[in-house]
PDB file of N, CA and C in Angstrom:
ATOM      1  N   UNK A   1     102.214  99.248  84.830  1.00  0.00           N
ATOM      2  CA  UNK A   1     102.930  97.988  84.933  1.00  0.00           C
ATOM      3  C   UNK A   1     101.880  96.890  85.061  1.00  0.00           C
ATOM      4  N   UNK A   2     101.957  95.922  84.228  1.00  0.00           N
ATOM      5  CA  UNK A   2     101.026  94.799  84.314  1.00  0.00           C
ATOM      6  C   UNK A   2     101.740  93.592  84.888  1.00  0.00           C
ATOM      7  N   UNK A   3     100.993  92.813  85.625  1.00  0.00           N
ATOM      8  CA  UNK A   3     101.553  91.600  86.245  1.00  0.00           C
ATOM      9  C   UNK A   3     102.717  91.894  87.176  1.00  0.00           C
ATOM     10  N   UNK A   4     102.788  93.089  87.692  1.00  0.00           N
ATOM     11  CA  UNK A   4     103.890  93.440  88.580  1.00  0.00           C
ATOM     12  C   UNK A   4     103.519  93.253  90.037  1.00  0.00           C
ATOM     13  N   UNK A   5     104.528  93.111  90.837  1.00  0.00           N
ATOM     14  CA  UNK A   5     104.322  93.025  92.283  1.00  0.00           C
ATOM     15  C   UNK A   5     105.260  94.025  92.927  1.00  0.00           C
ATOM     16  N   UNK A   6     104.867  94.504  94.076  1.00  0.00           N
ATOM     17  CA  UNK A   6     105.707  95.431  94.817  1.00  0.00           C
ATOM     18  C   UNK A   6     105.796  94.959  96.259  1.00  0.00           C
ATOM     19  N   UNK A   7     106.894  95.290  96.873  1.00  0.00           N
ATOM     20  CA  UNK A   7     107.128  94.947  98.269  1.00  0.00           C
ATOM     21  C   UNK A   7     107.319  96.253  99.026  1.00  0.00           C
ATOM     22  N   UNK A   8     106.483  96.491 100.019  1.00  0.00           N
ATOM     23  CA  UNK A   8     106.632  97.662 100.871  1.00  0.00           C
ATOM     24  C   UNK A   8     107.110  97.165 102.230  1.00  0.00           C
ATOM     25  N   UNK A   9     108.305  97.562 102.586  1.00  0.00           N
ATOM     26  CA  UNK A   9     108.872  97.129 103.865  1.00  0.00           C
ATOM     27  C   UNK A   9     108.810  98.297 104.852  1.00  0.00           C
ATOM     28  N   UNK A  10     108.288  98.016 106.025  1.00  0.00           N
ATOM     29  CA  UNK A  10     108.205  99.020 107.085  1.00  0.00           C
ATOM     30  C   UNK A  10     108.992  98.490 108.270  1.00  0.00           C
ATOM     31  N   UNK A  11     110.017  99.232 108.629  1.00  0.00           N
ATOM     32  CA  UNK A  11     110.870  98.826 109.743  1.00  0.00           C
ATOM     33  C   UNK A  11     110.752  99.873 110.844  1.00  0.00           C
ATOM     34  N   UNK A  12     110.288  99.458 112.018  1.00  0.00           N
ATOM     35  CA  UNK A  12     110.139 100.370 113.150  1.00  0.00           C
ATOM     36  C   UNK A  12     111.278 100.097 114.126  1.00  0.00           C
ATOM     37  N   UNK A  13     112.075 101.127 114.364  1.00  0.00           N
ATOM     38  CA  UNK A  13     113.237 100.989 115.237  1.00  0.00           C
ATOM     39  C   UNK A  13     113.268 102.130 116.244  1.00  0.00           C
ATOM     40  N   UNK A  14     114.142 102.012 117.215  1.00  0.00           N
ATOM     41  CA  UNK A  14     114.336 103.074 118.195  1.00  0.00           C
ATOM     42  C   UNK A  14     115.772 103.561 118.110  1.00  0.00           C
ATOM     43  N   UNK A  15     115.939 104.863 117.944  1.00  0.00           N
ATOM     44  CA  UNK A  15     117.266 105.469 117.865  1.00  0.00           C
ATOM     45  C   UNK A  15     117.936 105.390 119.237  1.00  0.00           C
ATOM     46  N   UNK A  16     119.273 105.538 119.272  1.00  0.00           N
ATOM     47  CA  UNK A  16     119.981 105.477 120.561  1.00  0.00           C
ATOM     48  C   UNK A  16     119.464 106.483 121.598  1.00  0.00           C
ATOM     49  N   UNK A  17     118.920 107.615 121.136  1.00  0.00           N
ATOM     50  CA  UNK A  17     118.394 108.608 122.085  1.00  0.00           C
ATOM     51  C   UNK A  17     116.951 108.310 122.501  1.00  0.00           C
ATOM     52  N   UNK A  18     116.414 107.177 122.050  1.00  0.00           N
ATOM     53  CA  UNK A  18     115.069 106.773 122.429  1.00  0.00           C
ATOM     54  C   UNK A  18     113.978 107.220 121.476  1.00  0.00           C
ATOM     55  N   UNK A  19     114.343 107.953 120.444  1.00  0.00           N
ATOM     56  CA  UNK A  19     113.371 108.431 119.466  1.00  0.00           C
ATOM     57  C   UNK A  19     112.926 107.294 118.556  1.00  0.00           C
ATOM     58  N   UNK A  20     111.618 107.077 118.440  1.00  0.00           N
ATOM     59  CA  UNK A  20     111.153 106.033 117.517  1.00  0.00           C
ATOM     60  C   UNK A  20     111.350 106.483 116.060  1.00  0.00           C
ATOM     61  N   UNK A  21     111.744 105.561 115.223  1.00  0.00           N
ATOM     62  CA  UNK A  21     111.939 105.859 113.809  1.00  0.00           C
ATOM     63  C   UNK A  21     111.286 104.773 112.970  1.00  0.00           C
ATOM     64  N   UNK A  22     110.677 105.196 111.883  1.00  0.00           N
ATOM     65  CA  UNK A  22     110.073 104.253 110.952  1.00  0.00           C
ATOM     66  C   UNK A  22     110.738 104.463 109.594  1.00  0.00           C
ATOM     67  N   UNK A  23     111.219 103.390 109.022  1.00  0.00           N
ATOM     68  CA  UNK A  23     111.843 103.430 107.702  1.00  0.00           C
ATOM     69  C   UNK A  23     110.937 102.679 106.734  1.00  0.00           C
ATOM     70  N   UNK A  24     110.644 103.305 105.597  1.00  0.00           N
ATOM     71  CA  UNK A  24     109.822 102.673 104.565  1.00  0.00           C
ATOM     72  C   UNK A  24     110.649 102.516 103.296  1.00  0.00           C
ATOM     73  N   UNK A  25     110.467 101.401 102.630  1.00  0.00           N
ATOM     74  CA  UNK A  25     111.136 101.191 101.352  1.00  0.00           C
ATOM     75  C   UNK A  25     110.192 100.424 100.444  1.00  0.00           C
ATOM     76  N   UNK A  26     110.046 100.930  99.233  1.00  0.00           N
ATOM     77  CA  UNK A  26     109.191 100.301  98.235  1.00  0.00           C
ATOM     78  C   UNK A  26     110.085  99.713  97.156  1.00  0.00           C
ATOM     79  N   UNK A  27     109.895  98.434  96.876  1.00  0.00           N
ATOM     80  CA  UNK A  27     110.683  97.745  95.865  1.00  0.00           C
ATOM     81  C   UNK A  27     109.717  97.101  94.877  1.00  0.00           C
ATOM     82  N   UNK A  28     109.907  97.393  93.603  1.00  0.00           N
ATOM     83  CA  UNK A  28     109.094  96.747  92.576  1.00  0.00           C
ATOM     84  C   UNK A  28     109.749  95.427  92.207  1.00  0.00           C
ATOM     85  N   UNK A  29     108.954  94.375  92.207  1.00  0.00           N
ATOM     86  CA  UNK A  29     109.470  93.036  91.961  1.00  0.00           C
ATOM     87  C   UNK A  29     109.132  92.574  90.555  1.00  0.00           C
ATOM     88  N   UNK A  30     109.996  91.784  90.024  1.00  0.00           N
ATOM     89  CA  UNK A  30     109.786  91.130  88.756  1.00  0.00           C
ATOM     90  C   UNK A  30     108.724  90.045  88.967  1.00  0.00           C
ATOM     91  N   UNK A  31     107.895  89.758  87.990  1.00  0.00           N
ATOM     92  CA  UNK A  31     106.903  88.680  88.174  1.00  0.00           C
ATOM     93  C   UNK A  31     107.537  87.322  88.473  1.00  0.00           C
ATOM     94  N   UNK A  32     108.804  87.162  88.141  1.00  0.00           N
ATOM     95  CA  UNK A  32     109.477  85.878  88.372  1.00  0.00           C
ATOM     96  C   UNK A  32     110.338  85.881  89.636  1.00  0.00           C
ATOM     97  N   UNK A  33     110.256  86.937  90.447  1.00  0.00           N
ATOM     98  CA  UNK A  33     111.041  86.999  91.678  1.00  0.00           C
ATOM     99  C   UNK A  33     110.645  85.850  92.597  1.00  0.00           C
ATOM    100  N   UNK A  34     111.634  85.133  93.091  1.00  0.00           N
ATOM    101  CA  UNK A  34     111.369  83.978  93.951  1.00  0.00           C
ATOM    102  C   UNK A  34     111.420  84.377  95.422  1.00  0.00           C
ATOM    103  N   UNK A  35     110.835  83.536  96.273  1.00  0.00           N
ATOM    104  CA  UNK A  35     110.720  83.860  97.697  1.00  0.00           C
ATOM    105  C   UNK A  35     112.078  84.089  98.356  1.00  0.00           C
ATOM    106  N   UNK A  36     113.084  83.314  98.006  1.00  0.00           N
ATOM    107  CA  UNK A  36     114.394  83.502  98.649  1.00  0.00           C
ATOM    108  C   UNK A  36     114.985  84.865  98.284  1.00  0.00           C
ATOM    109  N   UNK A  37     114.667  85.392  97.094  1.00  0.00           N
ATOM    110  CA  UNK A  37     115.131  86.721  96.707  1.00  0.00           C
ATOM    111  C   UNK A  37     114.404  87.800  97.510  1.00  0.00           C
ATOM    112  N   UNK A  38     113.120  87.588  97.751  1.00  0.00           N
ATOM    113  CA  UNK A  38     112.345  88.519  98.568  1.00  0.00           C
ATOM    114  C   UNK A  38     112.866  88.514 100.003  1.00  0.00           C
ATOM    115  N   UNK A  39     113.161  87.337 100.540  1.00  0.00           N
ATOM    116  CA  UNK A  39     113.713  87.229 101.896  1.00  0.00           C
ATOM    117  C   UNK A  39     115.038  87.983 102.000  1.00  0.00           C
ATOM    118  N   UNK A  40     115.891  87.839 100.988  1.00  0.00           N
ATOM    119  CA  UNK A  40     117.185  88.538 100.987  1.00  0.00           C
ATOM    120  C   UNK A  40     116.979  90.054 100.939  1.00  0.00           C
ATOM    121  N   UNK A  41     116.017  90.503 100.151  1.00  0.00           N
ATOM    122  CA  UNK A  41     115.705  91.937 100.091  1.00  0.00           C
ATOM    123  C   UNK A  41     115.260  92.456 101.452  1.00  0.00           C
ATOM    124  N   UNK A  42     114.389  91.719 102.117  1.00  0.00           N
ATOM    125  CA  UNK A  42     113.902  92.131 103.436  1.00  0.00           C
ATOM    126  C   UNK A  42     115.032  92.204 104.451  1.00  0.00           C
ATOM    127  N   UNK A  43     115.925  91.240 104.410  1.00  0.00           N
ATOM    128  CA  UNK A  43     117.072  91.247 105.318  1.00  0.00           C
ATOM    129  C   UNK A  43     117.945  92.471 105.063  1.00  0.00           C
ATOM    130  N   UNK A  44     118.210  92.760 103.791  1.00  0.00           N
ATOM    131  CA  UNK A  44     119.023  93.914 103.419  1.00  0.00           C
ATOM    132  C   UNK A  44     118.354  95.222 103.843  1.00  0.00           C
ATOM    133  N   UNK A  45     117.050  95.325 103.643  1.00  0.00           N
ATOM    134  CA  UNK A  45     116.314  96.531 104.019  1.00  0.00           C
ATOM    135  C   UNK A  45     116.372  96.741 105.531  1.00  0.00           C
ATOM    136  N   UNK A  46     116.182  95.679 106.299  1.00  0.00           N
ATOM    137  CA  UNK A  46     116.225  95.771 107.761  1.00  0.00           C
ATOM    138  C   UNK A  46     117.613  96.178 108.246  1.00  0.00           C
ATOM    139  N   UNK A  47     118.649  95.586 107.673  1.00  0.00           N
ATOM    140  CA  UNK A  47     120.025  95.917 108.055  1.00  0.00           C
ATOM    141  C   UNK A  47     120.338  97.375 107.757  1.00  0.00           C
ATOM    142  N   UNK A  48     119.936  97.848 106.589  1.00  0.00           N
ATOM    143  CA  UNK A  48     120.174  99.245 106.207  1.00  0.00           C
ATOM    144  C   UNK A  48     119.443 100.190 107.154  1.00  0.00           C
ATOM    145  N   UNK A  49     118.199  99.878 107.496  1.00  0.00           N
ATOM    146  CA  UNK A  49     117.432 100.720 108.415  1.00  0.00           C
ATOM    147  C   UNK A  49     118.089 100.769 109.788  1.00  0.00           C
ATOM    148  N   UNK A  50     118.595  99.622 110.258  1.00  0.00           N
ATOM    149  CA  UNK A  50     119.265  99.593 111.566  1.00  0.00           C
ATOM    150  C   UNK A  50     120.531 100.442 111.538  1.00  0.00           C
ATOM    151  N   UNK A  51     121.285 100.383 110.452  1.00  0.00           N
ATOM    152  CA  UNK A  51     122.504 101.186 110.330  1.00  0.00           C
ATOM    153  C   UNK A  51     122.178 102.674 110.321  1.00  0.00           C
ATOM    154  N   UNK A  52     121.126 103.052 109.627  1.00  0.00           N
ATOM    155  CA  UNK A  52     120.735 104.468 109.571  1.00  0.00           C
ATOM    156  C   UNK A  52     120.238 104.956 110.932  1.00  0.00           C
ATOM    157  N   UNK A  53     119.613 104.072 111.686  1.00  0.00           N
ATOM    158  CA  UNK A  53     119.081 104.454 112.996  1.00  0.00           C
ATOM    159  C   UNK A  53     120.202 104.656 114.002  1.00  0.00           C
ATOM    160  N   UNK A  54     121.248 103.829 113.928  1.00  0.00           N
ATOM    161  CA  UNK A  54     122.320 103.899 114.916  1.00  0.00           C
ATOM    162  C   UNK A  54     123.433 104.853 114.518  1.00  0.00           C
ATOM    163  N   UNK A  55     123.398 105.382 113.290  1.00  0.00           N
ATOM    164  CA  UNK A  55     124.426 106.305 112.826  1.00  0.00           C
ATOM    165  C   UNK A  55     123.910 107.733 112.898  1.00  0.00           C
ATOM    166  N   UNK A  56     124.705 108.605 113.501  1.00  0.00           N
ATOM    167  CA  UNK A  56     124.300 110.017 113.563  1.00  0.00           C
ATOM    168  C   UNK A  56     124.566 110.660 112.216  1.00  0.00           C
ATOM    169  N   UNK A  57     123.630 111.521 111.792  1.00  0.00           N
ATOM    170  CA  UNK A  57     123.773 112.224 110.507  1.00  0.00           C
ATOM    171  C   UNK A  57     124.313 113.612 110.734  1.00  0.00           C
TER     172      UNK A  57
END
């Protein structure tokens, strides 16, 4: 991929039982991706990680 950018988001959370959890997500960005789109992605990634941490599997 040329002229590409990627966003690696690392979210460190604590599960209800006190266990630390780290969630990683890699997103490949378009060269024209704007900052507000990146901010929205980060918010979505954080929300998803929090939901996975608080939900029992």
